[in-house]
Amino acid sequence: METSELESKVQKLETALAVQEASMAGAQATQAATQAGMTSTFTAAHGGTWAVMGAGSAALIVGIFLGMAIAKG
């Protein structure tokens, strides 16, 4: 095997390794972005649930007092 042929094979292996490393970095970045998106979605849904529950509770209390006021009047 000649030196130039060996150098060519080493260069091809280096290129293949660089492509593999770039692919792995891209996959990890995609996974991190997906997890961040899932976390923010869960947080927004959780906050929305609590907001709806708070508004519903306030409406219930107002409705109770309104009903009592109508019943008295």
C-alpha atoms as a PDB file:
ATOM      1  CA  MET A   1       0.000   0.000   0.000  1.00  0.00           C
ATOM      2  CA  GLU A   2       1.448   3.328  -0.998  1.00  0.00           C
ATOM      3  CA  THR A   3       1.707   6.305   1.294  1.00  0.00           C
ATOM      4  CA  SER A   4      -0.670   8.413  -0.798  1.00  0.00           C
ATOM      5  CA  GLU A   5      -3.288   5.641  -0.741  1.00  0.00           C
ATOM      6  CA  LEU A   6      -2.925   5.329   3.022  1.00  0.00           C
ATOM      7  CA  GLU A   7      -3.228   9.098   3.447  1.00  0.00           C
ATOM      8  CA  SER A   8      -6.349   9.047   1.279  1.00  0.00           C
ATOM      9  CA  LYS A   9      -7.950   6.359   3.448  1.00  0.00           C
ATOM     10  CA  VAL A  10      -7.054   8.232   6.643  1.00  0.00           C
ATOM     11  CA  GLN A  11      -8.563  11.422   5.211  1.00  0.00           C
ATOM     12  CA  LYS A  12     -11.777   9.565   4.273  1.00  0.00           C
ATOM     13  CA  LEU A  13     -12.001   8.122   7.788  1.00  0.00           C
ATOM     14  CA  GLU A  14     -11.464  11.569   9.311  1.00  0.00           C
ATOM     15  CA  THR A  15     -14.208  12.979   7.110  1.00  0.00           C
ATOM     16  CA  ALA A  16     -16.585  10.159   8.026  1.00  0.00           C
ATOM     17  CA  LEU A  17     -15.854  10.681  11.723  1.00  0.00           C
ATOM     18  CA  ALA A  18     -16.477  14.429  11.423  1.00  0.00           C
ATOM     19  CA  VAL A  19     -19.824  13.777   9.698  1.00  0.00           C
ATOM     20  CA  GLN A  20     -20.793  11.297  12.397  1.00  0.00           C
ATOM     21  CA  GLU A  21     -19.880  13.781  15.155  1.00  0.00           C
ATOM     22  CA  ALA A  22     -21.893  16.532  13.440  1.00  0.00           C
ATOM     23  CA  SER A  23     -24.882  14.219  13.104  1.00  0.00           C
ATOM     24  CA  MET A  24     -24.677  13.300  16.788  1.00  0.00           C
ATOM     25  CA  ALA A  25     -24.448  16.966  17.793  1.00  0.00           C
ATOM     26  CA  GLY A  26     -27.495  17.743  15.637  1.00  0.00           C
ATOM     27  CA  ALA A  27     -29.458  14.889  17.175  1.00  0.00           C
ATOM     28  CA  GLN A  28     -28.590  16.041  20.680  1.00  0.00           C
ATOM     29  CA  ALA A  29     -29.597  19.618  19.865  1.00  0.00           C
ATOM     30  CA  THR A  30     -32.899  18.401  18.436  1.00  0.00           C
ATOM     31  CA  GLN A  31     -33.569  16.308  21.518  1.00  0.00           C
ATOM     32  CA  ALA A  32     -32.772  19.231  23.826  1.00  0.00           C
ATOM     33  CA  ALA A  33     -35.102  21.525  21.858  1.00  0.00           C
ATOM     34  CA  THR A  34     -37.864  18.931  21.956  1.00  0.00           C
ATOM     35  CA  GLN A  35     -37.536  18.528  25.716  1.00  0.00           C
ATOM     36  CA  ALA A  36     -37.550  22.294  26.208  1.00  0.00           C
ATOM     37  CA  GLY A  37     -40.683  22.578  24.086  1.00  0.00           C
ATOM     38  CA  MET A  38     -42.402  19.822  26.019  1.00  0.00           C
ATOM     39  CA  THR A  39     -41.502  21.485  29.309  1.00  0.00           C
ATOM     40  CA  SER A  40     -42.812  24.881  28.238  1.00  0.00           C
ATOM     41  CA  THR A  41     -46.007  23.302  26.884  1.00  0.00           C
ATOM     42  CA  PHE A  42     -46.571  21.458  30.160  1.00  0.00           C
ATOM     43  CA  THR A  43     -45.907  24.635  32.143  1.00  0.00           C
ATOM     44  CA  ALA A  44     -48.355  26.637  30.022  1.00  0.00           C
ATOM     45  CA  ALA A  45     -51.024  23.956  30.320  1.00  0.00           C
ATOM     46  CA  HIS A  46     -50.522  23.735  34.069  1.00  0.00           C
ATOM     47  CA  GLY A  47     -50.759  27.516  34.419  1.00  0.00           C
ATOM     48  CA  GLY A  48     -53.869  27.593  32.241  1.00  0.00           C
ATOM     49  CA  THR A  49     -55.514  24.907  34.339  1.00  0.00           C
ATOM     50  CA  TRP A  50     -54.890  26.858  37.537  1.00  0.00           C
ATOM     51  CA  ALA A  51     -56.165  30.077  35.921  1.00  0.00           C
ATOM     52  CA  VAL A  52     -59.405  28.393  34.849  1.00  0.00           C
ATOM     53  CA  MET A  53     -59.844  26.841  38.289  1.00  0.00           C
ATOM     54  CA  GLY A  54     -59.282  30.239  39.934  1.00  0.00           C
ATOM     55  CA  ALA A  55     -61.757  31.971  37.649  1.00  0.00           C
ATOM     56  CA  GLY A  56     -64.317  29.213  38.201  1.00  0.00           C
ATOM     57  CA  SER A  57     -63.921  29.443  41.976  1.00  0.00           C
ATOM     58  CA  ALA A  58     -64.355  33.228  41.894  1.00  0.00           C
ATOM     59  CA  ALA A  59     -67.475  32.872  39.734  1.00  0.00           C
ATOM     60  CA  LEU A  60     -68.885  30.269  42.125  1.00  0.00           C
ATOM     61  CA  ILE A  61     -68.390  32.524  45.137  1.00  0.00           C
ATOM     62  CA  VAL A  62     -69.910  35.521  43.330  1.00  0.00           C
ATOM     63  CA  GLY A  63     -72.831  33.317  42.236  1.00  0.00           C
ATOM     64  CA  ILE A  64     -73.449  32.150  45.810  1.00  0.00           C
ATOM     65  CA  PHE A  65     -73.585  35.698  47.164  1.00  0.00           C
ATOM     66  CA  LEU A  66     -75.684  36.849  44.214  1.00  0.00           C
ATOM     67  CA  GLY A  67     -78.124  34.007  44.831  1.00  0.00           C
ATOM     68  CA  MET A  68     -78.323  34.870  48.506  1.00  0.00           C
ATOM     69  CA  ALA A  69     -78.959  38.540  47.656  1.00  0.00           C
ATOM     70  CA  ILE A  70     -81.722  37.620  45.179  1.00  0.00           C
ATOM     71  CA  ALA A  71     -83.318  35.213  47.657  1.00  0.00           C
ATOM     72  CA  LYS A  72     -83.397  37.896  50.367  1.00  0.00           C
ATOM     73  CA  GLY A  73     -84.763  40.589  48.094  1.00  0.00           C
END
